Full PDB file with SEQRES, HELIX, SHEET, SSBOND, CRYST1, ORIGX, SCALE, CONECT and MASTER records, all heavy atoms in Angstrom:
SEQRES   1 A   41  THR ALA TYR GLY VAL LEU ALA HIS GLY LEU LEU THR GLY          
SEQRES   2 A   41  THR TYR ARG GLN PRO ALA GLY GLY ASP PRO ARG ALA HIS          
SEQRES   3 A   41  TRP LEU PRO ARG PHE HIS PRO ASP ASN LEU ALA THR ASN          
SEQRES   4 A   41  LEU THR                                                      
HELIX    1 AA1 ALA A    7  THR A   12  5                                   6    
HELIX    2 AA2 PRO A   23  HIS A   26  5                                   4    
HELIX    3 AA3 PRO A   29  PHE A   31  5                                   3    
HELIX    4 AA4 PRO A   33  LEU A   40  1                                   8    
CRYST1    1.000    1.000    1.000  90.00  90.00  90.00 P 1           1          
ORIGX1      1.000000  0.000000  0.000000        0.00000                         
ORIGX2      0.000000  1.000000  0.000000        0.00000                         
ORIGX3      0.000000  0.000000  1.000000        0.00000                         
SCALE1      1.000000  0.000000  0.000000        0.00000                         
SCALE2      0.000000  1.000000  0.000000        0.00000                         
SCALE3      0.000000  0.000000  1.000000        0.00000                         
ATOM      1  N   THR A   1     -61.752  67.759 -95.181  1.00  0.00           N  
ATOM      2  CA  THR A   1     -61.958  69.055 -94.515  1.00  0.00           C  
ATOM      3  C   THR A   1     -62.033  68.749 -93.032  1.00  0.00           C  
ATOM      4  O   THR A   1     -62.953  68.089 -92.567  1.00  0.00           O  
ATOM      5  CB  THR A   1     -63.206  69.766 -95.045  1.00  0.00           C  
ATOM      6  OG1 THR A   1     -64.273  68.831 -95.217  1.00  0.00           O  
ATOM      7  CG2 THR A   1     -62.934  70.453 -96.363  1.00  0.00           C  
ATOM      8  N   ALA A   2     -61.078  69.245 -92.281  1.00  0.00           N  
ATOM      9  CA  ALA A   2     -60.930  68.914 -90.853  1.00  0.00           C  
ATOM     10  C   ALA A   2     -61.559  70.024 -89.990  1.00  0.00           C  
ATOM     11  O   ALA A   2     -61.181  71.169 -90.065  1.00  0.00           O  
ATOM     12  CB  ALA A   2     -59.430  68.787 -90.498  1.00  0.00           C  
ATOM     13  N   TYR A   3     -62.511  69.602 -89.192  1.00  0.00           N  
ATOM     14  CA  TYR A   3     -63.109  70.539 -88.230  1.00  0.00           C  
ATOM     15  C   TYR A   3     -62.580  70.190 -86.834  1.00  0.00           C  
ATOM     16  O   TYR A   3     -61.929  69.175 -86.632  1.00  0.00           O  
ATOM     17  CB  TYR A   3     -64.623  70.513 -88.296  1.00  0.00           C  
ATOM     18  CG  TYR A   3     -65.313  69.365 -87.654  1.00  0.00           C  
ATOM     19  CD1 TYR A   3     -65.700  69.387 -86.294  1.00  0.00           C  
ATOM     20  CD2 TYR A   3     -65.579  68.204 -88.361  1.00  0.00           C  
ATOM     21  CE1 TYR A   3     -66.349  68.316 -85.685  1.00  0.00           C  
ATOM     22  CE2 TYR A   3     -66.217  67.114 -87.757  1.00  0.00           C  
ATOM     23  CZ  TYR A   3     -66.596  67.180 -86.443  1.00  0.00           C  
ATOM     24  OH  TYR A   3     -67.223  66.111 -85.860  1.00  0.00           O  
ATOM     25  N   GLY A   4     -62.845  71.078 -85.860  1.00  0.00           N  
ATOM     26  CA  GLY A   4     -62.349  70.841 -84.532  1.00  0.00           C  
ATOM     27  C   GLY A   4     -60.872  70.918 -84.415  1.00  0.00           C  
ATOM     28  O   GLY A   4     -60.282  70.290 -83.555  1.00  0.00           O  
ATOM     29  N   VAL A   5     -60.206  71.693 -85.290  1.00  0.00           N  
ATOM     30  CA  VAL A   5     -58.741  71.738 -85.286  1.00  0.00           C  
ATOM     31  C   VAL A   5     -58.185  72.280 -83.993  1.00  0.00           C  
ATOM     32  O   VAL A   5     -57.002  72.022 -83.641  1.00  0.00           O  
ATOM     33  CB  VAL A   5     -58.201  72.523 -86.508  1.00  0.00           C  
ATOM     34  CG1 VAL A   5     -58.587  71.828 -87.808  1.00  0.00           C  
ATOM     35  CG2 VAL A   5     -58.730  73.954 -86.496  1.00  0.00           C  
ATOM     36  N   LEU A   6     -58.979  73.037 -83.250  1.00  0.00           N  
ATOM     37  CA  LEU A   6     -58.562  73.570 -81.956  1.00  0.00           C  
ATOM     38  C   LEU A   6     -59.268  72.846 -80.805  1.00  0.00           C  
ATOM     39  O   LEU A   6     -59.352  73.369 -79.683  1.00  0.00           O  
ATOM     40  CB  LEU A   6     -58.770  75.070 -81.866  1.00  0.00           C  
ATOM     41  CG  LEU A   6     -57.950  75.886 -82.882  1.00  0.00           C  
ATOM     42  CD1 LEU A   6     -58.163  77.357 -82.692  1.00  0.00           C  
ATOM     43  CD2 LEU A   6     -56.485  75.529 -82.814  1.00  0.00           C  
ATOM     44  N   ALA A   7     -59.780  71.653 -81.091  1.00  0.00           N  
ATOM     45  CA  ALA A   7     -60.395  70.788 -80.078  1.00  0.00           C  
ATOM     46  C   ALA A   7     -61.455  71.508 -79.260  1.00  0.00           C  
ATOM     47  O   ALA A   7     -61.535  71.459 -78.055  1.00  0.00           O  
ATOM     48  CB  ALA A   7     -59.313  70.246 -79.130  1.00  0.00           C  
ATOM     49  N   HIS A   8     -62.332  72.241 -80.008  1.00  0.00           N  
ATOM     50  CA  HIS A   8     -63.467  72.939 -79.386  1.00  0.00           C  
ATOM     51  C   HIS A   8     -63.040  73.992 -78.382  1.00  0.00           C  
ATOM     52  O   HIS A   8     -63.802  74.349 -77.491  1.00  0.00           O  
ATOM     53  CB  HIS A   8     -64.422  71.938 -78.750  1.00  0.00           C  
ATOM     54  CG  HIS A   8     -64.882  70.855 -79.689  1.00  0.00           C  
ATOM     55  ND1 HIS A   8     -65.886  71.020 -80.619  1.00  0.00           N  
ATOM     56  CD2 HIS A   8     -64.444  69.576 -79.851  1.00  0.00           C  
ATOM     57  CE1 HIS A   8     -66.067  69.902 -81.310  1.00  0.00           C  
ATOM     58  NE2 HIS A   8     -65.163  69.002 -80.856  1.00  0.00           N  
ATOM     59  N   GLY A   9     -61.812  74.471 -78.505  1.00  0.00           N  
ATOM     60  CA  GLY A   9     -61.299  75.514 -77.623  1.00  0.00           C  
ATOM     61  C   GLY A   9     -60.141  75.094 -76.759  1.00  0.00           C  
ATOM     62  O   GLY A   9     -59.385  75.930 -76.261  1.00  0.00           O  
ATOM     63  N   LEU A  10     -59.976  73.767 -76.555  1.00  0.00           N  
ATOM     64  CA  LEU A  10     -58.878  73.336 -75.676  1.00  0.00           C  
ATOM     65  C   LEU A  10     -57.510  73.699 -76.236  1.00  0.00           C  
ATOM     66  O   LEU A  10     -56.571  73.980 -75.481  1.00  0.00           O  
ATOM     67  CB  LEU A  10     -58.948  71.824 -75.501  1.00  0.00           C  
ATOM     68  CG  LEU A  10     -60.071  71.289 -74.585  1.00  0.00           C  
ATOM     69  CD1 LEU A  10     -60.080  69.750 -74.610  1.00  0.00           C  
ATOM     70  CD2 LEU A  10     -59.917  71.810 -73.170  1.00  0.00           C  
ATOM     71  N   LEU A  11     -57.346  73.704 -77.541  1.00  0.00           N  
ATOM     72  CA  LEU A  11     -56.056  73.944 -78.146  1.00  0.00           C  
ATOM     73  C   LEU A  11     -55.819  75.407 -78.497  1.00  0.00           C  
ATOM     74  O   LEU A  11     -54.872  75.712 -79.249  1.00  0.00           O  
ATOM     75  CB  LEU A  11     -55.902  73.075 -79.413  1.00  0.00           C  
ATOM     76  CG  LEU A  11     -55.572  71.610 -79.121  1.00  0.00           C  
ATOM     77  CD1 LEU A  11     -55.708  70.750 -80.371  1.00  0.00           C  
ATOM     78  CD2 LEU A  11     -54.138  71.467 -78.562  1.00  0.00           C  
ATOM     79  N   THR A  12     -56.614  76.315 -77.990  1.00  0.00           N  
ATOM     80  CA  THR A  12     -56.370  77.725 -78.239  1.00  0.00           C  
ATOM     81  C   THR A  12     -55.168  78.202 -77.460  1.00  0.00           C  
ATOM     82  O   THR A  12     -54.544  79.198 -77.809  1.00  0.00           O  
ATOM     83  CB  THR A  12     -57.561  78.577 -77.812  1.00  0.00           C  
ATOM     84  OG1 THR A  12     -57.856  78.368 -76.441  1.00  0.00           O  
ATOM     85  CG2 THR A  12     -58.790  78.226 -78.661  1.00  0.00           C  
ATOM     86  N   GLY A  13     -54.866  77.505 -76.341  1.00  0.00           N  
ATOM     87  CA  GLY A  13     -53.782  77.982 -75.485  1.00  0.00           C  
ATOM     88  C   GLY A  13     -54.207  79.033 -74.498  1.00  0.00           C  
ATOM     89  O   GLY A  13     -53.428  79.466 -73.654  1.00  0.00           O  
ATOM     90  N   THR A  14     -55.486  79.459 -74.587  1.00  0.00           N  
ATOM     91  CA  THR A  14     -55.987  80.481 -73.679  1.00  0.00           C  
ATOM     92  C   THR A  14     -57.057  79.937 -72.734  1.00  0.00           C  
ATOM     93  O   THR A  14     -57.496  80.616 -71.819  1.00  0.00           O  
ATOM     94  CB  THR A  14     -56.576  81.663 -74.470  1.00  0.00           C  
ATOM     95  OG1 THR A  14     -57.658  81.178 -75.314  1.00  0.00           O  
ATOM     96  CG2 THR A  14     -55.521  82.296 -75.355  1.00  0.00           C  
ATOM     97  N   TYR A  15     -57.489  78.690 -72.984  1.00  0.00           N  
ATOM     98  CA  TYR A  15     -58.560  78.106 -72.173  1.00  0.00           C  
ATOM     99  C   TYR A  15     -58.026  77.756 -70.782  1.00  0.00           C  
ATOM    100  O   TYR A  15     -56.951  77.167 -70.643  1.00  0.00           O  
ATOM    101  CB  TYR A  15     -59.112  76.870 -72.841  1.00  0.00           C  
ATOM    102  CG  TYR A  15     -60.303  76.245 -72.080  1.00  0.00           C  
ATOM    103  CD1 TYR A  15     -61.609  76.685 -72.326  1.00  0.00           C  
ATOM    104  CD2 TYR A  15     -60.093  75.260 -71.131  1.00  0.00           C  
ATOM    105  CE1 TYR A  15     -62.673  76.139 -71.638  1.00  0.00           C  
ATOM    106  CE2 TYR A  15     -61.138  74.715 -70.436  1.00  0.00           C  
ATOM    107  CZ  TYR A  15     -62.450  75.155 -70.689  1.00  0.00           C  
ATOM    108  OH  TYR A  15     -63.499  74.608 -69.997  1.00  0.00           O  
ATOM    109  N   ARG A  16     -58.791  78.100 -69.767  1.00  0.00           N  
ATOM    110  CA  ARG A  16     -58.469  77.751 -68.394  1.00  0.00           C  
ATOM    111  C   ARG A  16     -59.624  77.040 -67.742  1.00  0.00           C  
ATOM    112  O   ARG A  16     -60.781  77.315 -68.044  1.00  0.00           O  
ATOM    113  CB  ARG A  16     -58.122  79.016 -67.575  1.00  0.00           C  
ATOM    114  CG  ARG A  16     -56.894  79.797 -68.086  1.00  0.00           C  
ATOM    115  CD  ARG A  16     -55.631  78.975 -67.877  1.00  0.00           C  
ATOM    116  NE  ARG A  16     -54.468  79.707 -68.344  1.00  0.00           N  
ATOM    117  CZ  ARG A  16     -53.930  79.611 -69.548  1.00  0.00           C  
ATOM    118  NH1 ARG A  16     -54.518  78.837 -70.455  1.00  0.00           N  
ATOM    119  NH2 ARG A  16     -52.853  80.298 -69.899  1.00  0.00           N  
ATOM    120  N   GLN A  17     -59.351  76.125 -66.838  1.00  0.00           N  
ATOM    121  CA  GLN A  17     -60.383  75.346 -66.176  1.00  0.00           C  
ATOM    122  C   GLN A  17     -61.300  76.323 -65.366  1.00  0.00           C  
ATOM    123  O   GLN A  17     -60.815  76.967 -64.418  1.00  0.00           O  
ATOM    124  CB  GLN A  17     -59.772  74.289 -65.275  1.00  0.00           C  
ATOM    125  CG  GLN A  17     -60.800  73.331 -64.691  1.00  0.00           C  
ATOM    126  CD  GLN A  17     -60.160  72.092 -64.140  1.00  0.00           C  
ATOM    127  OE1 GLN A  17     -58.959  71.892 -64.252  1.00  0.00           O  
ATOM    128  NE2 GLN A  17     -60.968  71.214 -63.572  1.00  0.00           N  
ATOM    129  N   PRO A  18     -62.578  76.388 -65.696  1.00  0.00           N  
ATOM    130  CA  PRO A  18     -63.474  77.302 -64.977  1.00  0.00           C  
ATOM    131  C   PRO A  18     -63.758  76.778 -63.591  1.00  0.00           C  
ATOM    132  O   PRO A  18     -63.874  75.560 -63.361  1.00  0.00           O  
ATOM    133  CB  PRO A  18     -64.729  77.358 -65.839  1.00  0.00           C  
ATOM    134  CG  PRO A  18     -64.709  76.039 -66.565  1.00  0.00           C  
ATOM    135  CD  PRO A  18     -63.252  75.688 -66.782  1.00  0.00           C  
ATOM    136  N   ALA A  19     -63.941  77.705 -62.649  1.00  0.00           N  
ATOM    137  CA  ALA A  19     -64.189  77.301 -61.268  1.00  0.00           C  
ATOM    138  C   ALA A  19     -65.497  76.555 -61.116  1.00  0.00           C  
ATOM    139  O   ALA A  19     -65.622  75.618 -60.331  1.00  0.00           O  
ATOM    140  CB  ALA A  19     -64.202  78.540 -60.383  1.00  0.00           C  
ATOM    141  N   GLY A  20     -66.535  76.967 -61.871  1.00  0.00           N  
ATOM    142  CA  GLY A  20     -67.828  76.360 -61.752  1.00  0.00           C  
ATOM    143  C   GLY A  20     -68.107  75.221 -62.715  1.00  0.00           C  
ATOM    144  O   GLY A  20     -69.223  74.765 -62.813  1.00  0.00           O  
ATOM    145  N   GLY A  21     -67.081  74.771 -63.430  1.00  0.00           N  
ATOM    146  CA  GLY A  21     -67.264  73.727 -64.439  1.00  0.00           C  
ATOM    147  C   GLY A  21     -67.722  74.321 -65.753  1.00  0.00           C  
ATOM    148  O   GLY A  21     -68.177  75.471 -65.841  1.00  0.00           O  
ATOM    149  N   ASP A  22     -67.554  73.567 -66.825  1.00  0.00           N  
ATOM    150  CA  ASP A  22     -67.905  73.986 -68.149  1.00  0.00           C  
ATOM    151  C   ASP A  22     -69.109  73.206 -68.638  1.00  0.00           C  
ATOM    152  O   ASP A  22     -69.097  71.970 -68.595  1.00  0.00           O  
ATOM    153  CB  ASP A  22     -66.695  73.766 -69.115  1.00  0.00           C  
ATOM    154  CG  ASP A  22     -66.847  74.431 -70.443  1.00  0.00           C  
ATOM    155  OD1 ASP A  22     -67.941  74.351 -71.028  1.00  0.00           O  
ATOM    156  OD2 ASP A  22     -65.886  75.050 -70.935  1.00  0.00           O  
ATOM    157  N   PRO A  23     -70.178  73.863 -69.124  1.00  0.00           N  
ATOM    158  CA  PRO A  23     -71.373  73.115 -69.550  1.00  0.00           C  
ATOM    159  C   PRO A  23     -71.074  72.170 -70.700  1.00  0.00           C  
ATOM    160  O   PRO A  23     -71.802  71.194 -70.922  1.00  0.00           O  
ATOM    161  CB  PRO A  23     -72.342  74.230 -69.956  1.00  0.00           C  
ATOM    162  CG  PRO A  23     -71.503  75.463 -70.151  1.00  0.00           C  
ATOM    163  CD  PRO A  23     -70.355  75.330 -69.198  1.00  0.00           C  
ATOM    164  N   ARG A  24     -69.992  72.443 -71.454  1.00  0.00           N  
ATOM    165  CA  ARG A  24     -69.629  71.517 -72.545  1.00  0.00           C  
ATOM    166  C   ARG A  24     -69.259  70.145 -72.063  1.00  0.00           C  
ATOM    167  O   ARG A  24     -69.252  69.187 -72.828  1.00  0.00           O  
ATOM    168  CB  ARG A  24     -68.481  72.130 -73.346  1.00  0.00           C  
ATOM    169  CG  ARG A  24     -68.891  73.241 -74.293  1.00  0.00           C  
ATOM    170  CD  ARG A  24     -67.684  73.888 -74.950  1.00  0.00           C  
ATOM    171  NE  ARG A  24     -66.942  74.698 -74.027  1.00  0.00           N  
ATOM    172  CZ  ARG A  24     -65.937  75.510 -74.410  1.00  0.00           C  
ATOM    173  NH1 ARG A  24     -65.551  75.555 -75.672  1.00  0.00           N  
ATOM    174  NH2 ARG A  24     -65.291  76.242 -73.499  1.00  0.00           N  
ATOM    175  N   ALA A  25     -68.949  70.027 -70.784  1.00  0.00           N  
ATOM    176  CA  ALA A  25     -68.528  68.719 -70.257  1.00  0.00           C  
ATOM    177  C   ALA A  25     -69.639  67.685 -70.355  1.00  0.00           C  
ATOM    178  O   ALA A  25     -69.350  66.467 -70.357  1.00  0.00           O  
ATOM    179  CB  ALA A  25     -68.128  68.871 -68.756  1.00  0.00           C  
ATOM    180  N   HIS A  26     -70.883  68.102 -70.476  1.00  0.00           N  
ATOM    181  CA  HIS A  26     -71.977  67.166 -70.555  1.00  0.00           C  
ATOM    182  C   HIS A  26     -72.029  66.447 -71.940  1.00  0.00           C  
ATOM    183  O   HIS A  26     -72.584  65.361 -72.049  1.00  0.00           O  
ATOM    184  CB  HIS A  26     -73.311  67.863 -70.306  1.00  0.00           C  
ATOM    185  CG  HIS A  26     -73.443  68.323 -68.887  1.00  0.00           C  
ATOM    186  ND1 HIS A  26     -73.563  67.494 -67.817  1.00  0.00           N  
ATOM    187  CD2 HIS A  26     -73.436  69.601 -68.363  1.00  0.00           C  
ATOM    188  CE1 HIS A  26     -73.648  68.210 -66.715  1.00  0.00           C  
ATOM    189  NE2 HIS A  26     -73.547  69.454 -66.999  1.00  0.00           N  
ATOM    190  N   TRP A  27     -71.470  67.083 -72.956  1.00  0.00           N  
ATOM    191  CA  TRP A  27     -71.482  66.439 -74.282  1.00  0.00           C  
ATOM    192  C   TRP A  27     -70.067  66.312 -74.871  1.00  0.00           C  
ATOM    193  O   TRP A  27     -69.890  65.638 -75.888  1.00  0.00           O  
ATOM    194  CB  TRP A  27     -72.418  67.158 -75.233  1.00  0.00           C  
ATOM    195  CG  TRP A  27     -72.150  68.610 -75.450  1.00  0.00           C  
ATOM    196  CD1 TRP A  27     -72.382  69.665 -74.597  1.00  0.00           C  
ATOM    197  CD2 TRP A  27     -71.593  69.229 -76.642  1.00  0.00           C  
ATOM    198  NE1 TRP A  27     -72.011  70.861 -75.173  1.00  0.00           N  
ATOM    199  CE2 TRP A  27     -71.519  70.613 -76.437  1.00  0.00           C  
ATOM    200  CE3 TRP A  27     -71.178  68.682 -77.850  1.00  0.00           C  
ATOM    201  CZ2 TRP A  27     -71.039  71.501 -77.363  1.00  0.00           C  
ATOM    202  CZ3 TRP A  27     -70.692  69.594 -78.803  1.00  0.00           C  
ATOM    203  CH2 TRP A  27     -70.637  70.971 -78.542  1.00  0.00           C  
ATOM    204  N   LEU A  28     -69.087  66.959 -74.230  1.00  0.00           N  
ATOM    205  CA  LEU A  28     -67.686  66.817 -74.657  1.00  0.00           C  
ATOM    206  C   LEU A  28     -66.879  66.338 -73.438  1.00  0.00           C  
ATOM    207  O   LEU A  28     -66.434  67.143 -72.598  1.00  0.00           O  
ATOM    208  CB  LEU A  28     -67.142  68.172 -75.146  1.00  0.00           C  
ATOM    209  CG  LEU A  28     -67.727  68.745 -76.417  1.00  0.00           C  
ATOM    210  CD1 LEU A  28     -67.224  70.149 -76.667  1.00  0.00           C  
ATOM    211  CD2 LEU A  28     -67.433  67.859 -77.595  1.00  0.00           C  
ATOM    212  N   PRO A  29     -66.715  65.030 -73.286  1.00  0.00           N  
ATOM    213  CA  PRO A  29     -66.027  64.479 -72.101  1.00  0.00           C  
ATOM    214  C   PRO A  29     -64.647  65.027 -71.868  1.00  0.00           C  
ATOM    215  O   PRO A  29     -64.156  64.972 -70.716  1.00  0.00           O  
ATOM    216  CB  PRO A  29     -66.007  62.990 -72.372  1.00  0.00           C  
ATOM    217  CG  PRO A  29     -67.196  62.743 -73.236  1.00  0.00           C  
ATOM    218  CD  PRO A  29     -67.266  63.965 -74.136  1.00  0.00           C  
ATOM    219  N   ARG A  30     -63.995  65.549 -72.865  1.00  0.00           N  
ATOM    220  CA  ARG A  30     -62.654  66.067 -72.676  1.00  0.00           C  
ATOM    221  C   ARG A  30     -62.665  67.345 -71.812  1.00  0.00           C  
ATOM    222  O   ARG A  30     -61.581  67.741 -71.317  1.00  0.00           O  
ATOM    223  CB  ARG A  30     -61.962  66.299 -74.015  1.00  0.00           C  
ATOM    224  CG  ARG A  30     -61.648  64.987 -74.697  1.00  0.00           C  
ATOM    225  CD  ARG A  30     -61.179  65.134 -76.121  1.00  0.00           C  
ATOM    226  NE  ARG A  30     -60.933  63.799 -76.701  1.00  0.00           N  
ATOM    227  CZ  ARG A  30     -60.695  63.565 -77.969  1.00  0.00           C  
ATOM    228  NH1 ARG A  30     -60.670  64.546 -78.855  1.00  0.00           N  
ATOM    229  NH2 ARG A  30     -60.500  62.336 -78.385  1.00  0.00           N  
ATOM    230  N   PHE A  31     -63.808  67.940 -71.649  1.00  0.00           N  
ATOM    231  CA  PHE A  31     -63.953  69.115 -70.757  1.00  0.00           C  
ATOM    232  C   PHE A  31     -64.405  68.705 -69.352  1.00  0.00           C  
ATOM    233  O   PHE A  31     -64.494  69.557 -68.478  1.00  0.00           O  
ATOM    234  CB  PHE A  31     -64.977  70.087 -71.346  1.00  0.00           C  
ATOM    235  CG  PHE A  31     -64.462  70.883 -72.516  1.00  0.00           C  
ATOM    236  CD1 PHE A  31     -64.478  70.367 -73.788  1.00  0.00           C  
ATOM    237  CD2 PHE A  31     -63.946  72.178 -72.308  1.00  0.00           C  
ATOM    238  CE1 PHE A  31     -64.010  71.101 -74.879  1.00  0.00           C  
ATOM    239  CE2 PHE A  31     -63.447  72.909 -73.398  1.00  0.00           C  
ATOM    240  CZ  PHE A  31     -63.468  72.379 -74.687  1.00  0.00           C  
ATOM    241  N   HIS A  32     -64.676  67.442 -69.162  1.00  0.00           N  
ATOM    242  CA  HIS A  32     -65.108  66.994 -67.843  1.00  0.00           C  
ATOM    243  C   HIS A  32     -63.940  67.133 -66.842  1.00  0.00           C  
ATOM    244  O   HIS A  32     -62.781  66.900 -67.190  1.00  0.00           O  
ATOM    245  CB  HIS A  32     -65.588  65.553 -67.885  1.00  0.00           C  
ATOM    246  CG  HIS A  32     -66.291  65.088 -66.639  1.00  0.00           C  
ATOM    247  ND1 HIS A  32     -65.607  64.642 -65.551  1.00  0.00           N  
ATOM    248  CD2 HIS A  32     -67.580  65.033 -66.354  1.00  0.00           C  
ATOM    249  CE1 HIS A  32     -66.483  64.345 -64.599  1.00  0.00           C  
ATOM    250  NE2 HIS A  32     -67.669  64.570 -65.050  1.00  0.00           N  
ATOM    251  N   PRO A  33     -64.215  67.536 -65.589  1.00  0.00           N  
ATOM    252  CA  PRO A  33     -63.124  67.700 -64.633  1.00  0.00           C  
ATOM    253  C   PRO A  33     -62.178  66.476 -64.475  1.00  0.00           C  
ATOM    254  O   PRO A  33     -60.998  66.655 -64.211  1.00  0.00           O  
ATOM    255  CB  PRO A  33     -63.850  67.964 -63.313  1.00  0.00           C  
ATOM    256  CG  PRO A  33     -65.128  68.612 -63.711  1.00  0.00           C  
ATOM    257  CD  PRO A  33     -65.517  67.912 -65.030  1.00  0.00           C  
ATOM    258  N   ASP A  34     -62.722  65.287 -64.683  1.00  0.00           N  
ATOM    259  CA  ASP A  34     -61.873  64.069 -64.581  1.00  0.00           C  
ATOM    260  C   ASP A  34     -60.820  64.031 -65.679  1.00  0.00           C  
ATOM    261  O   ASP A  34     -59.805  63.369 -65.528  1.00  0.00           O  
ATOM    262  CB  ASP A  34     -62.732  62.809 -64.660  1.00  0.00           C  
ATOM    263  CG  ASP A  34     -63.604  62.599 -63.425  1.00  0.00           C  
ATOM    264  OD1 ASP A  34     -63.393  63.365 -62.461  1.00  0.00           O  
ATOM    265  OD2 ASP A  34     -64.475  61.723 -63.475  1.00  0.00           O  
ATOM    266  N   ASN A  35     -61.071  64.748 -66.783  1.00  0.00           N  
ATOM    267  CA  ASN A  35     -60.164  64.685 -67.943  1.00  0.00           C  
ATOM    268  C   ASN A  35     -59.490  66.007 -68.223  1.00  0.00           C  
ATOM    269  O   ASN A  35     -58.396  65.998 -68.842  1.00  0.00           O  
ATOM    270  CB  ASN A  35     -60.957  64.305 -69.202  1.00  0.00           C  
ATOM    271  CG  ASN A  35     -61.586  62.904 -69.084  1.00  0.00           C  
ATOM    272  OD1 ASN A  35     -60.992  62.001 -68.506  1.00  0.00           O  
ATOM    273  ND2 ASN A  35     -62.792  62.762 -69.585  1.00  0.00           N  
ATOM    274  N   LEU A  36     -60.066  67.103 -67.797  1.00  0.00           N  
ATOM    275  CA  LEU A  36     -59.622  68.435 -68.253  1.00  0.00           C  
ATOM    276  C   LEU A  36     -58.205  68.714 -67.798  1.00  0.00           C  
ATOM    277  O   LEU A  36     -57.421  69.250 -68.613  1.00  0.00           O  
ATOM    278  CB  LEU A  36     -60.581  69.483 -67.734  1.00  0.00           C  
ATOM    279  CG  LEU A  36     -60.341  70.902 -68.280  1.00  0.00           C  
ATOM    280  CD1 LEU A  36     -60.375  70.897 -69.790  1.00  0.00           C  
ATOM    281  CD2 LEU A  36     -61.429  71.851 -67.720  1.00  0.00           C  
ATOM    282  N   ALA A  37     -57.843  68.401 -66.590  1.00  0.00           N  
ATOM    283  CA  ALA A  37     -56.501  68.718 -66.116  1.00  0.00           C  
ATOM    284  C   ALA A  37     -55.418  68.036 -66.974  1.00  0.00           C  
ATOM    285  O   ALA A  37     -54.427  68.628 -67.323  1.00  0.00           O  
ATOM    286  CB  ALA A  37     -56.342  68.338 -64.618  1.00  0.00           C  
ATOM    287  N   THR A  38     -55.671  66.762 -67.271  1.00  0.00           N  
ATOM    288  CA  THR A  38     -54.747  66.031 -68.141  1.00  0.00           C  
ATOM    289  C   THR A  38     -54.608  66.718 -69.509  1.00  0.00           C  
ATOM    290  O   THR A  38     -53.486  66.905 -70.020  1.00  0.00           O  
ATOM    291  CB  THR A  38     -55.213  64.579 -68.328  1.00  0.00           C  
ATOM    292  OG1 THR A  38     -55.183  63.928 -67.076  1.00  0.00           O  
ATOM    293  CG2 THR A  38     -54.330  63.830 -69.328  1.00  0.00           C  
ATOM    294  N   ASN A  39     -55.718  67.117 -70.077  1.00  0.00           N  
ATOM    295  CA  ASN A  39     -55.697  67.686 -71.401  1.00  0.00           C  
ATOM    296  C   ASN A  39     -55.048  69.088 -71.425  1.00  0.00           C  
ATOM    297  O   ASN A  39     -54.355  69.411 -72.393  1.00  0.00           O  
ATOM    298  CB  ASN A  39     -57.137  67.735 -71.961  1.00  0.00           C  
ATOM    299  CG  ASN A  39     -57.683  66.358 -72.201  1.00  0.00           C  
ATOM    300  OD1 ASN A  39     -56.930  65.405 -72.413  1.00  0.00           O  
ATOM    301  ND2 ASN A  39     -59.014  66.214 -72.138  1.00  0.00           N  
ATOM    302  N   LEU A  40     -55.273  69.850 -70.417  1.00  0.00           N  
ATOM    303  CA  LEU A  40     -54.631  71.163 -70.344  1.00  0.00           C  
ATOM    304  C   LEU A  40     -53.109  71.042 -70.135  1.00  0.00           C  
ATOM    305  O   LEU A  40     -52.337  71.881 -70.590  1.00  0.00           O  
ATOM    306  CB  LEU A  40     -55.271  72.012 -69.247  1.00  0.00           C  
ATOM    307  CG  LEU A  40     -56.698  72.471 -69.516  1.00  0.00           C  
ATOM    308  CD1 LEU A  40     -57.219  73.317 -68.399  1.00  0.00           C  
ATOM    309  CD2 LEU A  40     -56.793  73.250 -70.833  1.00  0.00           C  
ATOM    310  N   THR A  41     -52.693  69.971 -69.457  1.00  0.00           N  
ATOM    311  CA  THR A  41     -51.271  69.714 -69.321  1.00  0.00           C  
ATOM    312  C   THR A  41     -50.626  69.439 -70.692  1.00  0.00           C  
ATOM    313  O   THR A  41     -49.521  69.878 -70.961  1.00  0.00           O  
ATOM    314  CB  THR A  41     -51.017  68.517 -68.352  1.00  0.00           C  
ATOM    315  OG1 THR A  41     -51.523  68.829 -67.071  1.00  0.00           O  
ATOM    316  CG2 THR A  41     -49.549  68.178 -68.286  1.00  0.00           C  
TER     317      THR A  41                                                      
MASTER        0    0    0    4    0    0    0    6  316    1    0    4          
END                                                                             
């Protein structure tokens, strides 16, 4: 049973990098600004 199939929101296709940062970045490194641009690409 696979969870996180949309990568906690990244794979919805509607997520955009927030101007003030995303609080999830503290426990989900893929949302951290150092990584987020690559992942949204």
